[in-house]
């Protein structure tokens, strides 16, 4: 087996193995070199992201996707895995980059793997720093011709932007812009529910309800069963009609959400619309949830003392993006 192919096979195996280990079960990984340390500080973390495609091939009218990124060090700190899952009018995207530093050559290498039936994984050029920007140069083949491409990452402490450009007429033209914002977990011991109890007699406002549901979304996306279960009352009832299965109590929900180690694989929750009746403390939301399969659904909840006391969800399995699923009935 050629050396490059062997490297790819090993890296794919590594990334697949890491996805089976709950995040909380993995020991803390430290960057193995100053170069990986710099990359860690810029990219490691959980991110919500929006991708915007410029009009042109293959999106004549332009397109977009929304999703999330999880970036982490692996291989004892010698590699960084940048995993992305998104969907929208541009279609579904699932995959990851693996980035590592080659000391002898003084460059970073890129391996890219995505949901492409023809070529799921390929080496994707090299990368380097240009000032504060991280730049990945590579080539794609279009109609038998090699076309230079460049992905440029720029950073702030809690966001990063990725501009994917392709050469056209001798200049680099932007094809896709990705804006990513860091998902920041609520501070321990302080949450929207506790604040509401102190300020409104245990009742949530519409704004506080949105914060509660956002906290639940972030907890699931971080695979943190404790944070998720803390959004529910001690005696909460959780059901998915017409399934007869009923889960009752925060302890049962903690186990259902993955327990101390979280679930074996990443899950993804995304709210689309939330509404709340403050007088009756009743709320509802449309969502997309992914774990092994993808579902679109709607849930109605009853709030008591700032937490979810009743959860009743209705959902349908579908590989389509949310925009494709709802069709023209958008609001």
Foldseek 3Di string as FASTA:
>chain_A
DDPVVVVVVVVVVQVVVVQQFFPLPDDDADAPDPVLNLVCQFDAAKKKKKKWFDADPPHPPTWIKTWMWHWDADPRNFKIKIWIWIATPVGTKGWIWIWGADVVVGWIWIWTAIPDPVDRIDTAAIWDDDDQKIKGWGWDADPNDTWIKMWIWHGDSFKIKIWIWIDDPRDTDTGMIMIIGGDDADDPPDALLVVCCVPPVLFDDFVSVVRLVVNLQSCLQSLNLVSNLVQADQFAWAEEPPDPDIATGSVSSSVVQPHPRGHSGGKHKDWDDKDADRVQQKIKTWIWIDDPFIKTWMWIFHGGSRHTRYIYIYIDTDSHDPCVVVDPPDD
